[in-house]
Amino acid sequence: MRTLMSVMFLVLFCSVQMASSAVISIAVAQSRCCTEFSDVKIPVKLVESYFWTSSSCDRRAIVFQTKSGKQICVDPDTTWVSGHVDKLDKKTKV
């Protein structure tokens, strides 16, 4: 009985560790900072999602995630960026 309780505790502990490390890796991926911005207007049909860089970064930026997996930093004050963000927000609300 004692061995079974020990094994169950170990399994529970390992699963909690794995779950918390997955959350940390997602948070790290979305907290990166951009050192430079792309000047190229990305076609909205190629963009899958976006996220803001961390407020602790020197320059706030929007990072567009393309369908091919690329992450592209853009200046949020660029005129076409807000249109892309609006379209992506509408797509995710549907």
N, C-alpha and C. Protein backbone atom coordinates (compact mmCIF):
# COMPACT_ATOMS: atom_id res chain seq x y z
N MET A 1 0.82 -1.19 0.00
CA MET A 1 0.00 0.00 0.00
C MET A 1 0.87 1.27 0.00
N ARG A 2 1.94 1.24 0.78
CA ARG A 2 2.85 2.37 0.86
C ARG A 2 3.55 2.60 -0.49
N THR A 3 3.93 1.52 -1.16
CA THR A 3 4.58 1.61 -2.46
C THR A 3 3.63 2.21 -3.50
N LEU A 4 2.38 1.78 -3.48
CA LEU A 4 1.39 2.30 -4.41
C LEU A 4 1.18 3.80 -4.20
N MET A 5 1.11 4.23 -2.96
CA MET A 5 0.96 5.66 -2.66
C MET A 5 2.18 6.45 -3.14
N SER A 6 3.35 5.89 -2.98
CA SER A 6 4.58 6.55 -3.42
C SER A 6 4.61 6.69 -4.93
N VAL A 7 4.22 5.65 -5.63
CA VAL A 7 4.20 5.67 -7.10
C VAL A 7 3.17 6.69 -7.58
N MET A 8 1.99 6.71 -6.97
CA MET A 8 0.96 7.67 -7.37
C MET A 8 1.42 9.10 -7.12
N PHE A 9 2.08 9.34 -6.01
CA PHE A 9 2.61 10.67 -5.72
C PHE A 9 3.65 11.07 -6.77
N LEU A 10 4.52 10.14 -7.13
CA LEU A 10 5.55 10.41 -8.12
C LEU A 10 4.93 10.73 -9.48
N VAL A 11 3.93 9.99 -9.89
CA VAL A 11 3.25 10.24 -11.16
C VAL A 11 2.58 11.61 -11.14
N LEU A 12 1.91 11.93 -10.06
CA LEU A 12 1.25 13.23 -9.94
C LEU A 12 2.28 14.36 -9.99
N PHE A 13 3.36 14.21 -9.28
CA PHE A 13 4.41 15.22 -9.27
C PHE A 13 5.00 15.43 -10.66
N CYS A 14 5.27 14.35 -11.38
CA CYS A 14 5.85 14.46 -12.73
C CYS A 14 4.88 15.12 -13.70
N SER A 15 3.60 14.80 -13.61
CA SER A 15 2.63 15.39 -14.52
C SER A 15 2.47 16.89 -14.25
N VAL A 16 2.53 17.31 -13.00
CA VAL A 16 2.46 18.74 -12.67
C VAL A 16 3.70 19.45 -13.21
N GLN A 17 4.85 18.85 -13.08
CA GLN A 17 6.09 19.45 -13.59
C GLN A 17 6.03 19.61 -15.10
N MET A 18 5.55 18.60 -15.80
CA MET A 18 5.48 18.66 -17.26
C MET A 18 4.49 19.73 -17.70
N ALA A 19 3.36 19.83 -17.04
CA ALA A 19 2.36 20.83 -17.40
C ALA A 19 2.88 22.25 -17.16
N SER A 20 3.56 22.47 -16.05
CA SER A 20 4.06 23.81 -15.76
C SER A 20 5.20 24.19 -16.70
N SER A 21 6.02 23.25 -17.11
CA SER A 21 7.11 23.59 -18.05
C SER A 21 6.56 23.90 -19.43
N ALA A 22 5.44 23.29 -19.82
CA ALA A 22 4.82 23.60 -21.11
C ALA A 22 4.29 25.03 -21.10
N VAL A 23 3.69 25.46 -20.02
CA VAL A 23 3.18 26.82 -19.91
C VAL A 23 4.33 27.81 -19.95
N ILE A 24 5.42 27.51 -19.28
CA ILE A 24 6.58 28.40 -19.28
C ILE A 24 7.16 28.53 -20.68
N SER A 25 7.24 27.44 -21.44
CA SER A 25 7.81 27.52 -22.77
C SER A 25 6.93 28.35 -23.70
N ILE A 26 5.60 28.28 -23.54
CA ILE A 26 4.72 29.11 -24.33
C ILE A 26 4.91 30.57 -23.96
N ALA A 27 5.01 30.86 -22.68
CA ALA A 27 5.20 32.23 -22.23
C ALA A 27 6.52 32.80 -22.73
N VAL A 28 7.57 32.02 -22.72
CA VAL A 28 8.87 32.47 -23.21
C VAL A 28 8.79 32.77 -24.70
N ALA A 29 8.11 31.92 -25.45
CA ALA A 29 8.00 32.13 -26.90
C ALA A 29 7.27 33.44 -27.20
N GLN A 30 6.26 33.79 -26.39
CA GLN A 30 5.51 35.00 -26.66
C GLN A 30 6.05 36.22 -25.93
N SER A 31 7.14 36.10 -25.22
CA SER A 31 7.68 37.27 -24.54
C SER A 31 8.98 37.73 -25.19
N ARG A 32 9.25 37.28 -26.39
CA ARG A 32 10.47 37.71 -27.06
C ARG A 32 10.38 39.17 -27.44
N CYS A 33 11.51 39.80 -27.60
CA CYS A 33 11.57 41.21 -28.01
C CYS A 33 12.07 41.29 -29.45
N CYS A 34 11.64 42.33 -30.14
CA CYS A 34 12.05 42.54 -31.53
C CYS A 34 13.14 43.60 -31.58
N THR A 35 14.22 43.30 -32.26
CA THR A 35 15.30 44.28 -32.39
C THR A 35 15.14 45.12 -33.65
N GLU A 36 14.43 44.60 -34.64
CA GLU A 36 14.17 45.37 -35.86
C GLU A 36 12.81 44.97 -36.42
N PHE A 37 12.24 45.86 -37.22
CA PHE A 37 10.92 45.64 -37.80
C PHE A 37 11.03 45.35 -39.29
N SER A 38 10.11 44.57 -39.79
CA SER A 38 10.04 44.31 -41.22
C SER A 38 9.35 45.49 -41.90
N ASP A 39 9.86 45.89 -43.06
CA ASP A 39 9.26 46.97 -43.84
C ASP A 39 8.27 46.43 -44.88
N VAL A 40 8.24 45.13 -45.03
CA VAL A 40 7.43 44.51 -46.08
C VAL A 40 6.01 44.30 -45.59
N LYS A 41 5.01 44.73 -46.39
CA LYS A 41 3.62 44.48 -46.05
C LYS A 41 3.32 43.01 -46.31
N ILE A 42 2.90 42.32 -45.28
CA ILE A 42 2.61 40.89 -45.37
C ILE A 42 1.17 40.72 -45.81
N PRO A 43 0.91 39.93 -46.84
CA PRO A 43 -0.49 39.69 -47.22
C PRO A 43 -1.25 39.03 -46.07
N VAL A 44 -2.43 39.57 -45.75
CA VAL A 44 -3.20 39.09 -44.60
C VAL A 44 -3.58 37.62 -44.75
N LYS A 45 -3.70 37.14 -45.98
CA LYS A 45 -4.07 35.73 -46.18
C LYS A 45 -2.95 34.78 -45.76
N LEU A 46 -1.73 35.29 -45.60
CA LEU A 46 -0.61 34.46 -45.16
C LEU A 46 -0.43 34.46 -43.65
N VAL A 47 -1.15 35.35 -42.95
CA VAL A 47 -0.98 35.51 -41.51
C VAL A 47 -1.99 34.62 -40.78
N GLU A 48 -1.47 33.85 -39.83
CA GLU A 48 -2.32 32.94 -39.06
C GLU A 48 -2.74 33.55 -37.72
N SER A 49 -1.81 34.26 -37.06
CA SER A 49 -2.11 34.86 -35.76
C SER A 49 -1.09 35.96 -35.49
N TYR A 50 -1.27 36.60 -34.35
CA TYR A 50 -0.33 37.64 -33.94
C TYR A 50 -0.28 37.71 -32.42
N PHE A 51 0.77 38.33 -31.90
CA PHE A 51 0.84 38.65 -30.48
C PHE A 51 1.71 39.88 -30.29
N TRP A 52 1.47 40.56 -29.17
CA TRP A 52 2.28 41.71 -28.80
C TRP A 52 3.53 41.23 -28.08
N THR A 53 4.62 41.94 -28.26
CA THR A 53 5.81 41.63 -27.48
C THR A 53 5.59 42.12 -26.04
N SER A 54 6.43 41.68 -25.17
CA SER A 54 6.32 42.01 -23.75
C SER A 54 6.49 43.50 -23.51
N SER A 55 5.81 44.00 -22.49
CA SER A 55 5.96 45.42 -22.14
C SER A 55 7.35 45.73 -21.58
N SER A 56 8.10 44.68 -21.25
CA SER A 56 9.46 44.90 -20.76
C SER A 56 10.47 45.09 -21.90
N CYS A 57 10.03 44.93 -23.12
CA CYS A 57 10.92 45.15 -24.27
C CYS A 57 11.16 46.65 -24.47
N ASP A 58 12.30 46.99 -25.06
CA ASP A 58 12.61 48.39 -25.34
C ASP A 58 11.60 49.01 -26.30
N ARG A 59 11.22 48.24 -27.32
CA ARG A 59 10.26 48.71 -28.32
C ARG A 59 9.12 47.71 -28.40
N ARG A 60 7.91 48.17 -28.16
CA ARG A 60 6.75 47.29 -28.31
C ARG A 60 6.56 46.99 -29.79
N ALA A 61 6.16 45.79 -30.08
CA ALA A 61 5.96 45.38 -31.47
C ALA A 61 4.84 44.36 -31.53
N ILE A 62 4.34 44.16 -32.72
CA ILE A 62 3.40 43.08 -32.99
C ILE A 62 4.18 42.04 -33.79
N VAL A 63 4.02 40.79 -33.41
CA VAL A 63 4.68 39.70 -34.13
C VAL A 63 3.59 38.91 -34.84
N PHE A 64 3.66 38.90 -36.18
CA PHE A 64 2.73 38.11 -36.98
C PHE A 64 3.30 36.72 -37.18
N GLN A 65 2.48 35.73 -36.93
CA GLN A 65 2.84 34.32 -37.15
C GLN A 65 2.22 33.93 -38.49
N THR A 66 3.06 33.55 -39.46
CA THR A 66 2.54 33.17 -40.77
C THR A 66 2.12 31.71 -40.77
N LYS A 67 1.37 31.33 -41.79
CA LYS A 67 0.92 29.95 -41.92
C LYS A 67 2.09 29.00 -42.13
N SER A 68 3.21 29.51 -42.62
CA SER A 68 4.39 28.67 -42.81
C SER A 68 5.25 28.58 -41.55
N GLY A 69 4.84 29.29 -40.48
CA GLY A 69 5.55 29.18 -39.21
C GLY A 69 6.53 30.31 -38.93
N LYS A 70 6.68 31.24 -39.84
CA LYS A 70 7.60 32.37 -39.61
C LYS A 70 6.98 33.36 -38.64
N GLN A 71 7.82 34.00 -37.84
CA GLN A 71 7.39 35.08 -36.96
C GLN A 71 8.05 36.36 -37.44
N ILE A 72 7.21 37.36 -37.75
CA ILE A 72 7.70 38.60 -38.35
C ILE A 72 7.32 39.77 -37.44
N CYS A 73 8.33 40.52 -37.02
CA CYS A 73 8.12 41.69 -36.17
C CYS A 73 7.73 42.88 -37.03
N VAL A 74 6.68 43.58 -36.60
CA VAL A 74 6.25 44.78 -37.32
C VAL A 74 5.97 45.90 -36.32
N ASP A 75 6.11 47.11 -36.80
CA ASP A 75 5.83 48.29 -36.00
C ASP A 75 4.31 48.46 -35.90
N PRO A 76 3.75 48.50 -34.70
CA PRO A 76 2.30 48.62 -34.57
C PRO A 76 1.74 49.95 -35.08
N ASP A 77 2.60 50.96 -35.27
CA ASP A 77 2.15 52.25 -35.78
C ASP A 77 2.10 52.32 -37.30
N THR A 78 2.55 51.27 -37.98
CA THR A 78 2.48 51.22 -39.44
C THR A 78 1.01 51.12 -39.84
N THR A 79 0.63 51.84 -40.90
CA THR A 79 -0.79 51.97 -41.25
C THR A 79 -1.49 50.64 -41.53
N TRP A 80 -0.87 49.72 -42.23
CA TRP A 80 -1.54 48.48 -42.61
C TRP A 80 -1.66 47.48 -41.47
N VAL A 81 -0.87 47.62 -40.44
CA VAL A 81 -0.84 46.65 -39.33
C VAL A 81 -2.17 46.60 -38.60
N SER A 82 -2.77 47.74 -38.31
CA SER A 82 -4.03 47.75 -37.57
C SER A 82 -5.14 47.06 -38.36
N GLY A 83 -5.13 47.17 -39.68
CA GLY A 83 -6.12 46.47 -40.51
C GLY A 83 -5.96 44.97 -40.41
N HIS A 84 -4.73 44.50 -40.43
CA HIS A 84 -4.46 43.06 -40.29
C HIS A 84 -4.92 42.55 -38.92
N VAL A 85 -4.62 43.33 -37.87
CA VAL A 85 -5.00 42.94 -36.51
C VAL A 85 -6.52 42.85 -36.41
N ASP A 86 -7.23 43.84 -36.97
CA ASP A 86 -8.70 43.82 -36.94
C ASP A 86 -9.26 42.59 -37.65
N LYS A 87 -8.71 42.28 -38.81
CA LYS A 87 -9.19 41.11 -39.57
C LYS A 87 -8.92 39.81 -38.81
N LEU A 88 -7.75 39.70 -38.19
CA LEU A 88 -7.44 38.49 -37.42
C LEU A 88 -8.33 38.38 -36.19
N ASP A 89 -8.61 39.49 -35.53
CA ASP A 89 -9.49 39.48 -34.37
C ASP A 89 -10.90 39.03 -34.76
N LYS A 90 -11.38 39.51 -35.89
CA LYS A 90 -12.73 39.12 -36.38
C LYS A 90 -12.76 37.63 -36.71
N LYS A 91 -11.67 37.14 -37.29
CA LYS A 91 -11.61 35.72 -37.68
C LYS A 91 -11.62 34.81 -36.45
N THR A 92 -10.97 35.22 -35.38
CA THR A 92 -10.91 34.38 -34.19
C THR A 92 -12.20 34.45 -33.37
N LYS A 93 -12.99 35.50 -33.54
CA LYS A 93 -14.25 35.62 -32.80
C LYS A 93 -15.35 34.78 -33.44
N VAL A 94 -15.19 34.40 -34.68
CA VAL A 94 -16.23 33.62 -35.39
C VAL A 94 -16.23 32.20 -34.96
